[in-house]
N, C-alpha and C. Protein backbone atom coordinates (compact mmCIF):
# COMPACT_ATOMS: atom_id res chain seq x y z
N MET A 1 -0.87 -10.97 2.66
CA MET A 1 0.05 -10.16 1.91
C MET A 1 0.72 -11.05 0.87
N SER A 2 0.72 -10.63 -0.36
CA SER A 2 1.30 -11.44 -1.42
C SER A 2 2.79 -11.19 -1.50
N ASP A 3 3.47 -12.10 -2.16
CA ASP A 3 4.92 -11.99 -2.33
C ASP A 3 5.24 -11.38 -3.68
N TYR A 4 4.47 -10.40 -4.10
CA TYR A 4 4.68 -9.74 -5.38
C TYR A 4 5.97 -8.94 -5.34
N SER A 5 6.82 -9.11 -6.31
CA SER A 5 8.06 -8.36 -6.39
C SER A 5 8.12 -7.65 -7.74
N PRO A 6 8.28 -6.33 -7.73
CA PRO A 6 8.37 -5.62 -9.00
C PRO A 6 9.58 -6.05 -9.82
N LEU A 7 10.63 -6.50 -9.15
CA LEU A 7 11.80 -6.97 -9.87
C LEU A 7 11.60 -8.37 -10.43
N GLY A 8 10.60 -9.07 -9.92
CA GLY A 8 10.29 -10.40 -10.42
C GLY A 8 9.91 -10.38 -11.89
N LEU A 9 9.26 -9.31 -12.32
CA LEU A 9 8.90 -9.19 -13.72
C LEU A 9 10.13 -9.15 -14.61
N LEU A 10 11.18 -8.48 -14.16
CA LEU A 10 12.41 -8.39 -14.93
C LEU A 10 13.06 -9.76 -15.07
N PHE A 11 13.14 -10.50 -13.99
CA PHE A 11 13.84 -11.77 -14.02
C PHE A 11 12.98 -12.89 -14.60
N ASP A 12 11.67 -12.80 -14.47
CA ASP A 12 10.80 -13.84 -15.00
C ASP A 12 10.60 -13.72 -16.51
N SER A 13 10.74 -12.51 -17.05
CA SER A 13 10.45 -12.31 -18.46
C SER A 13 11.64 -12.68 -19.36
N ALA A 14 12.84 -12.70 -18.83
CA ALA A 14 14.02 -13.01 -19.63
C ALA A 14 14.46 -14.45 -19.35
N GLY A 15 14.78 -15.15 -20.43
CA GLY A 15 15.23 -16.53 -20.29
C GLY A 15 16.75 -16.61 -20.17
N ILE A 16 17.26 -17.83 -20.11
CA ILE A 16 18.71 -18.07 -19.97
C ILE A 16 19.46 -17.50 -21.17
N GLY A 17 18.91 -17.68 -22.36
CA GLY A 17 19.57 -17.19 -23.57
C GLY A 17 19.73 -15.68 -23.57
N GLU A 18 18.68 -14.98 -23.18
CA GLU A 18 18.76 -13.52 -23.15
C GLU A 18 19.80 -13.04 -22.15
N TRP A 19 19.83 -13.68 -20.96
CA TRP A 19 20.81 -13.28 -19.95
C TRP A 19 22.23 -13.58 -20.41
N ALA A 20 22.42 -14.68 -21.13
CA ALA A 20 23.75 -15.02 -21.65
C ALA A 20 24.21 -13.98 -22.67
N VAL A 21 23.31 -13.57 -23.57
CA VAL A 21 23.64 -12.55 -24.55
C VAL A 21 23.99 -11.23 -23.85
N LEU A 22 23.20 -10.85 -22.85
CA LEU A 22 23.49 -9.62 -22.11
C LEU A 22 24.85 -9.71 -21.42
N GLY A 23 25.17 -10.86 -20.85
CA GLY A 23 26.46 -11.04 -20.18
C GLY A 23 27.62 -10.92 -21.14
N VAL A 24 27.52 -11.52 -22.33
CA VAL A 24 28.58 -11.45 -23.33
C VAL A 24 28.75 -10.02 -23.82
N VAL A 25 27.64 -9.32 -24.09
CA VAL A 25 27.73 -7.93 -24.54
C VAL A 25 28.37 -7.06 -23.46
N ALA A 26 27.97 -7.25 -22.20
CA ALA A 26 28.57 -6.47 -21.11
C ALA A 26 30.05 -6.77 -20.98
N LEU A 27 30.44 -8.02 -21.16
CA LEU A 27 31.85 -8.40 -21.07
C LEU A 27 32.66 -7.74 -22.19
N ILE A 28 32.09 -7.69 -23.38
CA ILE A 28 32.79 -7.07 -24.51
C ILE A 28 32.88 -5.55 -24.31
N VAL A 29 31.77 -4.93 -23.91
CA VAL A 29 31.73 -3.47 -23.81
C VAL A 29 32.56 -2.96 -22.62
N TYR A 30 32.41 -3.57 -21.46
CA TYR A 30 33.05 -3.04 -20.25
C TYR A 30 34.35 -3.75 -19.87
N GLY A 31 34.58 -4.92 -20.37
CA GLY A 31 35.81 -5.64 -20.08
C GLY A 31 35.71 -6.43 -18.78
N PRO A 32 36.61 -7.39 -18.62
CA PRO A 32 36.56 -8.27 -17.45
C PRO A 32 36.97 -7.58 -16.15
N HIS A 33 37.66 -6.45 -16.22
CA HIS A 33 38.12 -5.78 -15.01
C HIS A 33 37.02 -4.92 -14.38
N ARG A 34 36.19 -4.28 -15.19
CA ARG A 34 35.16 -3.40 -14.66
C ARG A 34 33.84 -4.13 -14.40
N LEU A 35 33.67 -5.30 -14.97
CA LEU A 35 32.39 -6.01 -14.87
C LEU A 35 32.02 -6.41 -13.43
N PRO A 36 32.92 -6.93 -12.59
CA PRO A 36 32.53 -7.26 -11.21
C PRO A 36 32.07 -6.05 -10.39
N ALA A 37 32.75 -4.92 -10.56
CA ALA A 37 32.36 -3.70 -9.83
C ALA A 37 30.98 -3.23 -10.30
N MET A 38 30.72 -3.32 -11.58
CA MET A 38 29.42 -2.92 -12.11
C MET A 38 28.32 -3.87 -11.63
N ALA A 39 28.63 -5.15 -11.51
CA ALA A 39 27.64 -6.12 -11.02
C ALA A 39 27.30 -5.82 -9.56
N ARG A 40 28.31 -5.44 -8.75
CA ARG A 40 28.04 -5.07 -7.36
C ARG A 40 27.16 -3.82 -7.29
N GLN A 41 27.45 -2.83 -8.13
CA GLN A 41 26.64 -1.62 -8.15
C GLN A 41 25.21 -1.92 -8.58
N LEU A 42 25.05 -2.78 -9.56
CA LEU A 42 23.72 -3.17 -10.00
C LEU A 42 22.98 -3.90 -8.89
N GLY A 43 23.67 -4.77 -8.17
CA GLY A 43 23.05 -5.47 -7.05
C GLY A 43 22.59 -4.52 -5.96
N ARG A 44 23.42 -3.52 -5.64
CA ARG A 44 23.04 -2.51 -4.64
C ARG A 44 21.83 -1.71 -5.10
N LEU A 45 21.84 -1.34 -6.39
CA LEU A 45 20.72 -0.58 -6.94
C LEU A 45 19.42 -1.38 -6.87
N LEU A 46 19.48 -2.65 -7.25
CA LEU A 46 18.29 -3.48 -7.20
C LEU A 46 17.81 -3.67 -5.76
N SER A 47 18.75 -3.78 -4.82
CA SER A 47 18.38 -3.91 -3.41
C SER A 47 17.68 -2.64 -2.91
N ARG A 48 18.19 -1.48 -3.28
CA ARG A 48 17.56 -0.22 -2.88
C ARG A 48 16.18 -0.07 -3.51
N LEU A 49 16.05 -0.47 -4.76
CA LEU A 49 14.74 -0.41 -5.41
C LEU A 49 13.73 -1.33 -4.71
N GLN A 50 14.19 -2.51 -4.32
CA GLN A 50 13.31 -3.44 -3.61
C GLN A 50 12.89 -2.89 -2.26
N GLN A 51 13.83 -2.28 -1.53
CA GLN A 51 13.51 -1.67 -0.25
C GLN A 51 12.52 -0.53 -0.40
N ALA A 52 12.71 0.29 -1.44
CA ALA A 52 11.79 1.40 -1.68
C ALA A 52 10.40 0.88 -2.03
N ALA A 53 10.33 -0.17 -2.83
CA ALA A 53 9.03 -0.75 -3.19
C ALA A 53 8.34 -1.34 -1.96
N ASP A 54 9.10 -2.00 -1.09
CA ASP A 54 8.52 -2.56 0.14
C ASP A 54 8.02 -1.46 1.06
N LEU A 55 8.79 -0.40 1.21
CA LEU A 55 8.39 0.73 2.05
C LEU A 55 7.12 1.39 1.50
N PHE A 56 7.07 1.58 0.20
CA PHE A 56 5.89 2.17 -0.43
C PHE A 56 4.67 1.28 -0.21
N ARG A 57 4.84 -0.03 -0.36
CA ARG A 57 3.72 -0.96 -0.17
C ARG A 57 3.22 -0.91 1.27
N LEU A 58 4.13 -0.86 2.24
CA LEU A 58 3.74 -0.78 3.66
C LEU A 58 3.01 0.51 3.96
N GLN A 59 3.49 1.62 3.41
CA GLN A 59 2.83 2.91 3.63
C GLN A 59 1.44 2.92 3.00
N LEU A 60 1.32 2.33 1.83
CA LEU A 60 0.03 2.27 1.16
C LEU A 60 -0.96 1.41 1.94
N MET A 61 -0.49 0.29 2.47
CA MET A 61 -1.36 -0.58 3.26
C MET A 61 -1.76 0.12 4.56
N SER A 62 -0.85 0.86 5.18
CA SER A 62 -1.16 1.59 6.41
C SER A 62 -2.19 2.68 6.12
N PHE A 63 -2.03 3.38 5.01
CA PHE A 63 -2.98 4.42 4.63
C PHE A 63 -4.35 3.81 4.37
N GLU A 64 -4.38 2.67 3.69
CA GLU A 64 -5.66 2.00 3.41
C GLU A 64 -6.35 1.57 4.71
N LYS A 65 -5.56 1.08 5.66
CA LYS A 65 -6.12 0.67 6.94
C LYS A 65 -6.69 1.86 7.70
N ASP A 66 -5.97 3.00 7.67
CA ASP A 66 -6.46 4.21 8.33
C ASP A 66 -7.76 4.70 7.70
N VAL A 67 -7.85 4.65 6.39
CA VAL A 67 -9.06 5.08 5.70
C VAL A 67 -10.23 4.17 6.06
N GLU A 68 -9.99 2.87 6.13
CA GLU A 68 -11.05 1.93 6.51
C GLU A 68 -11.55 2.21 7.93
N GLU A 69 -10.62 2.48 8.85
CA GLU A 69 -11.02 2.78 10.23
C GLU A 69 -11.83 4.06 10.30
N GLN A 70 -11.41 5.08 9.57
CA GLN A 70 -12.14 6.34 9.57
C GLN A 70 -13.52 6.17 8.93
N THR A 71 -13.61 5.34 7.92
CA THR A 71 -14.90 5.08 7.28
C THR A 71 -15.84 4.37 8.24
N LYS A 72 -15.31 3.39 8.98
CA LYS A 72 -16.14 2.69 9.96
C LYS A 72 -16.62 3.64 11.05
N GLN A 73 -15.74 4.52 11.50
CA GLN A 73 -16.13 5.48 12.53
C GLN A 73 -17.17 6.46 12.00
N ALA A 74 -17.05 6.86 10.76
CA ALA A 74 -18.01 7.81 10.18
C ALA A 74 -19.36 7.15 9.94
N ASP A 75 -19.38 5.84 9.71
CA ASP A 75 -20.63 5.13 9.46
C ASP A 75 -21.41 4.84 10.74
N GLN A 76 -20.73 4.83 11.88
CA GLN A 76 -21.41 4.55 13.14
C GLN A 76 -22.19 5.78 13.59
N PRO A 77 -23.40 5.58 14.13
CA PRO A 77 -24.16 6.74 14.60
C PRO A 77 -23.47 7.39 15.79
N ASP A 78 -23.68 8.68 15.90
CA ASP A 78 -23.01 9.48 16.94
C ASP A 78 -23.98 9.74 18.09
N ARG A 79 -24.52 8.68 18.66
CA ARG A 79 -25.53 8.83 19.72
C ARG A 79 -24.92 8.99 21.10
N GLN A 80 -23.69 8.50 21.31
CA GLN A 80 -23.09 8.63 22.64
C GLN A 80 -22.74 10.09 22.92
N ALA A 81 -22.35 10.84 21.92
CA ALA A 81 -21.96 12.23 22.13
C ALA A 81 -23.16 13.13 22.34
N ARG A 82 -24.34 12.75 21.80
CA ARG A 82 -25.55 13.58 21.90
C ARG A 82 -26.72 12.72 22.35
N PRO A 83 -26.78 12.29 23.61
CA PRO A 83 -27.83 11.36 24.04
C PRO A 83 -29.23 11.96 24.06
N GLY A 84 -29.38 13.27 24.08
CA GLY A 84 -30.70 13.87 24.14
C GLY A 84 -31.37 14.02 22.79
N LEU A 85 -30.65 13.72 21.71
CA LEU A 85 -31.21 13.90 20.37
C LEU A 85 -31.78 12.59 19.85
N THR A 86 -32.89 12.69 19.17
CA THR A 86 -33.51 11.53 18.53
C THR A 86 -33.82 11.87 17.10
N ASP A 87 -34.04 10.87 16.30
CA ASP A 87 -34.41 11.09 14.91
C ASP A 87 -35.87 11.47 14.83
N SER A 88 -36.15 12.52 14.09
CA SER A 88 -37.54 12.90 13.88
C SER A 88 -37.99 12.33 12.54
N PRO A 89 -39.29 12.21 12.32
CA PRO A 89 -39.77 11.63 11.06
C PRO A 89 -39.37 12.44 9.84
N ASP A 90 -39.15 13.75 9.99
CA ASP A 90 -38.81 14.57 8.83
C ASP A 90 -37.31 14.54 8.51
N GLY A 91 -36.52 13.73 9.21
CA GLY A 91 -35.11 13.56 8.92
C GLY A 91 -34.20 14.39 9.79
N GLY A 92 -34.71 15.39 10.49
CA GLY A 92 -33.90 16.22 11.36
C GLY A 92 -33.82 15.64 12.75
N ASP A 93 -33.04 16.24 13.59
CA ASP A 93 -32.95 15.80 14.99
C ASP A 93 -33.78 16.75 15.84
N GLU A 94 -34.48 16.18 16.78
CA GLU A 94 -35.28 17.02 17.69
C GLU A 94 -34.84 16.75 19.11
N GLN A 95 -34.99 17.72 19.95
CA GLN A 95 -34.60 17.61 21.35
C GLN A 95 -35.78 17.04 22.14
N ARG A 96 -35.50 16.05 23.01
CA ARG A 96 -36.53 15.53 23.90
C ARG A 96 -35.90 15.28 25.26
N SER A 97 -36.70 15.28 26.24
CA SER A 97 -36.18 15.07 27.59
C SER A 97 -35.92 13.59 27.79
N PRO A 98 -34.98 13.23 28.66
CA PRO A 98 -34.67 11.82 28.90
C PRO A 98 -35.84 11.03 29.47
N THR A 99 -36.79 11.68 30.14
CA THR A 99 -37.92 10.96 30.73
C THR A 99 -39.08 10.82 29.75
N GLU A 100 -39.08 11.58 28.69
CA GLU A 100 -40.18 11.53 27.71
C GLU A 100 -40.08 10.24 26.90
N GLU A 101 -41.21 9.58 26.74
CA GLU A 101 -41.22 8.35 25.97
C GLU A 101 -41.38 8.66 24.50
N ARG A 102 -40.83 7.78 23.68
CA ARG A 102 -40.90 7.94 22.25
C ARG A 102 -42.27 7.50 21.78
N LYS A 103 -42.87 8.30 20.90
CA LYS A 103 -44.18 7.96 20.35
C LYS A 103 -43.98 7.13 19.08
N PRO A 104 -44.75 6.05 18.94
CA PRO A 104 -44.60 5.20 17.74
C PRO A 104 -45.09 5.83 16.47
């Protein structure tokens, strides 16, 4: 499992200068009194987004695992459920008795 974070793109793409400009603009627009409360709200929002992304990734991996298991089960021959059936040369199944030998 990789440590891919969708929020990593946001933080990796912006440098120190861009974050400083955003901080100064936020300080001017919202003021020093409202900025800490907004930062807490932004932190909570980012945390919820990360949790939602992790939950979605886990559900997707679980679904993929279920599909793989069902595919493996579908690919296996179903001979245990129908032991009296054998493959005929024409592609269909024919009934034979358990004591009858198979002809080459």
